[in-house]
C-alpha atoms as a PDB file:
ATOM      1  CA  MET A   1      40.985  47.665  37.642  1.00  0.00           C
ATOM      2  CA  CYS A   2      37.648  45.762  38.297  1.00  0.00           C
ATOM      3  CA  ARG A   3      36.397  48.622  40.479  1.00  0.00           C
ATOM      4  CA  ILE A   4      37.350  51.144  37.859  1.00  0.00           C
ATOM      5  CA  LEU A   5      35.524  49.108  35.169  1.00  0.00           C
ATOM      6  CA  SER A   6      32.375  48.606  37.196  1.00  0.00           C
ATOM      7  CA  THR A   7      32.213  52.464  38.093  1.00  0.00           C
ATOM      8  CA  ALA A   8      32.837  53.302  34.337  1.00  0.00           C
ATOM      9  CA  HIS A   9      30.039  51.011  33.247  1.00  0.00           C
ATOM     10  CA  ALA A  10      27.722  51.249  36.299  1.00  0.00           C
ATOM     11  CA  LEU A  11      28.110  47.550  36.753  1.00  0.00           C
ATOM     12  CA  PRO A  12      27.672  45.933  40.251  1.00  0.00           C
ATOM     13  CA  TYR A  13      31.010  44.784  41.264  1.00  0.00           C
ATOM     14  CA  TYR A  14      31.350  41.479  43.112  1.00  0.00           C
ATOM     15  CA  ALA A  15      34.487  39.752  44.408  1.00  0.00           C
ATOM     16  CA  ILE A  16      34.603  35.886  44.562  1.00  0.00           C
ATOM     17  CA  ASP A  17      36.736  36.052  47.756  1.00  0.00           C
ATOM     18  CA  ASN A  18      33.837  37.405  49.505  1.00  0.00           C
ATOM     19  CA  ILE A  19      31.559  34.456  49.037  1.00  0.00           C
ATOM     20  CA  GLN A  20      34.312  31.766  48.967  1.00  0.00           C
ATOM     21  CA  TRP A  21      35.682  32.717  52.301  1.00  0.00           C
ATOM     22  CA  LYS A  22      34.159  33.265  55.821  1.00  0.00           C
ATOM     23  CA  PRO A  23      36.110  35.010  58.758  1.00  0.00           C
ATOM     24  CA  ASN A  24      39.392  33.461  59.626  1.00  0.00           C
ATOM     25  CA  TRP A  25      39.788  32.050  56.122  1.00  0.00           C
ATOM     26  CA  VAL A  26      37.158  29.245  56.645  1.00  0.00           C
ATOM     27  CA  GLN A  27      35.945  28.205  53.253  1.00  0.00           C
ATOM     28  CA  ALA A  28      32.344  28.577  52.632  1.00  0.00           C
ATOM     29  CA  SER A  29      30.445  25.316  51.860  1.00  0.00           C
ATOM     30  CA  ARG A  30      29.733  24.642  48.040  1.00  0.00           C
ATOM     31  CA  SER A  31      26.126  25.181  48.429  1.00  0.00           C
ATOM     32  CA  GLU A  32      26.537  28.671  50.126  1.00  0.00           C
ATOM     33  CA  PHE A  33      28.999  29.558  47.281  1.00  0.00           C
ATOM     34  CA  THR A  34      26.901  28.303  44.464  1.00  0.00           C
ATOM     35  CA  ALA A  35      23.667  29.973  45.927  1.00  0.00           C
ATOM     36  CA  SER A  36      25.481  33.472  46.147  1.00  0.00           C
ATOM     37  CA  HIS A  37      27.232  32.971  42.782  1.00  0.00           C
ATOM     38  CA  GLU A  38      23.941  32.097  41.190  1.00  0.00           C
ATOM     39  CA  ALA A  39      22.317  35.144  42.631  1.00  0.00           C
ATOM     40  CA  TRP A  40      24.839  37.394  41.093  1.00  0.00           C
ATOM     41  CA  LEU A  41      24.715  35.684  37.707  1.00  0.00           C
ATOM     42  CA  SER A  42      20.750  35.986  37.707  1.00  0.00           C
ATOM     43  CA  GLN A  43      21.000  39.815  37.589  1.00  0.00           C
ATOM     44  CA  GLU A  44      21.050  41.540  34.225  1.00  0.00           C
ATOM     45  CA  ARG A  45      24.412  43.065  34.578  1.00  0.00           C
ATOM     46  CA  TRP A  46      27.421  42.287  36.743  1.00  0.00           C
ATOM     47  CA  LEU A  47      31.111  42.455  36.935  1.00  0.00           C
ATOM     48  CA  ILE A  48      32.862  39.318  38.944  1.00  0.00           C
ATOM     49  CA  ASP A  49      36.532  39.519  40.115  1.00  0.00           C
ATOM     50  CA  GLY A  50      38.306  36.489  40.831  1.00  0.00           C
ATOM     51  CA  TYR A  51      38.478  32.666  40.131  1.00  0.00           C
ATOM     52  CA  GLY A  52      36.486  30.406  42.616  1.00  0.00           C
ATOM     53  CA  SER A  53      35.991  26.860  41.416  1.00  0.00           C
ATOM     54  CA  TRP A  54      36.499  25.777  37.771  1.00  0.00           C
ATOM     55  CA  ASP A  55      32.748  25.056  37.652  1.00  0.00           C
ATOM     56  CA  SER A  56      31.972  28.700  38.574  1.00  0.00           C
ATOM     57  CA  VAL A  57      34.541  30.173  36.167  1.00  0.00           C
ATOM     58  CA  GLN A  58      32.927  27.938  33.360  1.00  0.00           C
ATOM     59  CA  ARG A  59      29.491  29.051  34.417  1.00  0.00           C
ATOM     60  CA  ARG A  60      30.524  32.878  34.348  1.00  0.00           C
ATOM     61  CA  MET A  61      31.910  32.423  30.895  1.00  0.00           C
ATOM     62  CA  GLU A  62      28.646  31.006  29.686  1.00  0.00           C
ATOM     63  CA  MET A  63      26.654  33.888  30.993  1.00  0.00           C
ATOM     64  CA  ALA A  64      29.001  36.735  30.170  1.00  0.00           C
ATOM     65  CA  ASP A  65      28.818  39.110  27.280  1.00  0.00           C
ATOM     66  CA  THR A  66      32.537  40.281  27.799  1.00  0.00           C
ATOM     67  CA  ILE A  67      35.358  38.207  29.241  1.00  0.00           C
ATOM     68  CA  VAL A  68      38.500  40.204  30.331  1.00  0.00           C
ATOM     69  CA  PHE A  69      41.670  38.190  30.819  1.00  0.00           C
ATOM     70  CA  VAL A  70      44.571  39.986  32.621  1.00  0.00           C
ATOM     71  CA  ASP A  71      47.404  37.776  31.410  1.00  0.00           C
ATOM     72  CA  HIS A  72      50.569  39.395  32.620  1.00  0.00           C
ATOM     73  CA  PRO A  73      53.998  37.519  33.113  1.00  0.00           C
ATOM     74  CA  ILE A  74      53.777  35.924  36.615  1.00  0.00           C
ATOM     75  CA  TRP A  75      56.497  38.257  38.040  1.00  0.00           C
ATOM     76  CA  VAL A  76      54.101  41.182  37.304  1.00  0.00           C
ATOM     77  CA  HIS A  77      51.174  39.643  39.282  1.00  0.00           C
ATOM     78  CA  TYR A  78      53.671  38.754  42.039  1.00  0.00           C
ATOM     79  CA  TRP A  79      54.902  42.331  42.227  1.00  0.00           C
ATOM     80  CA  TRP A  80      51.353  43.710  42.270  1.00  0.00           C
ATOM     81  CA  ALA A  81      50.207  40.976  44.904  1.00  0.00           C
ATOM     82  CA  SER A  82      53.332  42.006  47.195  1.00  0.00           C
ATOM     83  CA  LYS A  83      52.512  45.544  47.030  1.00  0.00           C
ATOM     84  CA  ARG A  84      48.714  44.955  47.867  1.00  0.00           C
ATOM     85  CA  GLN A  85      49.746  42.567  50.812  1.00  0.00           C
ATOM     86  CA  VAL A  86      52.216  45.116  52.395  1.00  0.00           C
ATOM     87  CA  LYS A  87      49.482  47.830  52.093  1.00  0.00           C
ATOM     88  CA  SER A  88      46.991  45.547  53.764  1.00  0.00           C
ATOM     89  CA  LEU A  89      49.191  45.694  56.903  1.00  0.00           C
ATOM     90  CA  PHE A  90      48.577  49.346  57.318  1.00  0.00           C
ATOM     91  CA  PHE A  91      45.332  50.163  55.487  1.00  0.00           C
ATOM     92  CA  GLY A  92      43.495  46.591  55.519  1.00  0.00           C
ATOM     93  CA  ARG A  93      41.952  45.528  52.300  1.00  0.00           C
ATOM     94  CA  PRO A  94      38.472  46.905  51.579  1.00  0.00           C
ATOM     95  CA  ASP A  95      37.648  44.282  48.801  1.00  0.00           C
ATOM     96  CA  GLY A  96      38.961  41.450  50.865  1.00  0.00           C
ATOM     97  CA  PRO A  97      36.796  39.051  52.644  1.00  0.00           C
ATOM     98  CA  GLU A  98      35.342  40.214  56.056  1.00  0.00           C
ATOM     99  CA  GLY A  99      37.429  38.872  58.873  1.00  0.00           C
ATOM    100  CA  CYS A 100      40.258  37.588  56.845  1.00  0.00           C
ATOM    101  CA  PRO A 101      43.595  39.219  57.422  1.00  0.00           C
ATOM    102  CA  MET A 102      45.475  39.306  54.230  1.00  0.00           C
ATOM    103  CA  PHE A 103      49.010  39.316  55.251  1.00  0.00           C
ATOM    104  CA  PRO A 104      49.372  36.194  57.036  1.00  0.00           C
ATOM    105  CA  VAL A 105      48.244  34.138  54.004  1.00  0.00           C
ATOM    106  CA  THR A 106      50.940  35.866  51.523  1.00  0.00           C
ATOM    107  CA  ILE A 107      52.955  32.480  51.103  1.00  0.00           C
ATOM    108  CA  ARG A 108      49.719  30.449  50.383  1.00  0.00           C
ATOM    109  CA  LEU A 109      48.563  33.146  48.063  1.00  0.00           C
ATOM    110  CA  PHE A 110      51.707  33.146  45.991  1.00  0.00           C
ATOM    111  CA  LYS A 111      51.717  29.271  45.807  1.00  0.00           C
ATOM    112  CA  MET A 112      48.174  29.637  44.409  1.00  0.00           C
ATOM    113  CA  MET A 113      49.218  32.227  42.055  1.00  0.00           C
ATOM    114  CA  TRP A 114      51.920  29.910  40.631  1.00  0.00           C
ATOM    115  CA  SER A 115      49.502  26.951  40.364  1.00  0.00           C
ATOM    116  CA  LEU A 116      47.075  29.241  38.479  1.00  0.00           C
ATOM    117  CA  HIS A 117      49.675  30.413  36.181  1.00  0.00           C
ATOM    118  CA  ARG A 118      51.100  27.161  35.370  1.00  0.00           C
ATOM    119  CA  ASP A 119      48.132  24.694  35.545  1.00  0.00           C
ATOM    120  CA  MET A 120      45.171  26.937  35.000  1.00  0.00           C
ATOM    121  CA  ARG A 121      46.267  29.288  32.505  1.00  0.00           C
ATOM    122  CA  PRO A 122      46.167  26.937  29.467  1.00  0.00           C
ATOM    123  CA  LYS A 123      42.977  25.608  30.482  1.00  0.00           C
ATOM    124  CA  LEU A 124      41.634  28.994  30.876  1.00  0.00           C
ATOM    125  CA  LEU A 125      42.831  30.161  27.600  1.00  0.00           C
ATOM    126  CA  ALA A 126      41.012  27.200  25.891  1.00  0.00           C
ATOM    127  CA  ALA A 127      37.953  27.780  27.709  1.00  0.00           C
ATOM    128  CA  ILE A 128      37.997  31.648  26.641  1.00  0.00           C
ATOM    129  CA  GLU A 129      38.570  30.724  22.986  1.00  0.00           C
ATOM    130  CA  ALA A 130      35.559  28.321  23.184  1.00  0.00           C
ATOM    131  CA  HIS A 131      33.375  31.321  24.153  1.00  0.00           C
ATOM    132  CA  ARG A 132      34.398  33.537  21.364  1.00  0.00           C
ATOM    133  CA  GLY A 133      31.151  33.124  19.495  1.00  0.00           C
ATOM    134  CA  HIS A 134      28.893  34.611  22.142  1.00  0.00           C
ATOM    135  CA  ALA A 135      31.284  37.171  24.300  1.00  0.00           C
ATOM    136  CA  ARG A 136      33.714  39.733  23.422  1.00  0.00           C
ATOM    137  CA  ILE A 137      37.019  38.638  24.482  1.00  0.00           C
ATOM    138  CA  ILE A 138      39.614  41.089  25.769  1.00  0.00           C
ATOM    139  CA  HIS A 139      43.075  39.845  26.519  1.00  0.00           C
ATOM    140  CA  ILE A 140      45.395  42.253  28.329  1.00  0.00           C
ATOM    141  CA  ARG A 141      49.094  41.184  28.218  1.00  0.00           C
ATOM    142  CA  SER A 142      50.877  44.088  29.671  1.00  0.00           C
ATOM    143  CA  PRO A 143      50.557  46.794  32.322  1.00  0.00           C
ATOM    144  CA  LYS A 144      50.404  49.349  29.679  1.00  0.00           C
ATOM    145  CA  GLN A 145      47.497  47.668  27.956  1.00  0.00           C
ATOM    146  CA  LEU A 146      45.857  47.369  31.205  1.00  0.00           C
ATOM    147  CA  ALA A 147      46.231  51.123  31.923  1.00  0.00           C
ATOM    148  CA  VAL A 148      44.824  52.084  28.562  1.00  0.00           C
ATOM    149  CA  PHE A 149      41.915  49.733  28.859  1.00  0.00           C
ATOM    150  CA  ALA A 150      41.178  50.931  32.480  1.00  0.00           C
ATOM    151  CA  ALA A 151      41.344  54.554  31.173  1.00  0.00           C
ATOM    152  CA  ASP A 152      38.969  53.923  28.279  1.00  0.00           C
ATOM    153  CA  PRO A 153      37.356  50.505  28.474  1.00  0.00           C
ATOM    154  CA  ARG A 154      35.611  51.231  25.175  1.00  0.00           C
ATOM    155  CA  SER A 155      38.960  51.774  23.369  1.00  0.00           C
ATOM    156  CA  ALA A 156      40.380  49.190  20.977  1.00  0.00           C
ATOM    157  CA  ALA A 157      41.166  46.697  23.509  1.00  0.00           C
ATOM    158  CA  PRO A 158      43.466  43.724  22.467  1.00  0.00           C
ATOM    159  CA  GLU A 159      41.509  40.896  21.285  1.00  0.00           C
ATOM    160  CA  LEU A 160      42.348  37.369  22.213  1.00  0.00           C
ATOM    161  CA  ARG A 161      44.231  35.757  19.493  1.00  0.00           C
ATOM    162  CA  LYS A 162      45.481  32.226  19.137  1.00  0.00           C
ATOM    163  CA  SER A 163      49.157  31.895  19.931  1.00  0.00           C
END
């Protein structure tokens, strides 16, 4: 979806994984990550895909004019990740970090996804709500909403509502 949106809006696309990881899943130093992340944010326009550290998430929210939160049930995220991981066996993953084979880290990925869903989601929702005044907030809750939004990002996308 991020690549579709970046193309539709002529936005430079950046993936957090590409600055967070070096070949063979060696984590980049905090200073390396921060320098690259700040370089992206210093540009006039950007679309950044991924999480990274909580500090980097907060920094992006401070700088963003639009925040898109894809908030599907965890099983949808697991299903899509499973398909992506299997596909990576045969075709690689063009948006993955260089020198980092995707399939061997599948179990670690699923554990991280569960942790993000369980622990980070409530924190993320609160942080997004705090940025309502300066950013357009788009809260995608279903694959159907995602498909509609991806087909026409200027459409009436679902706004974040307090639950």
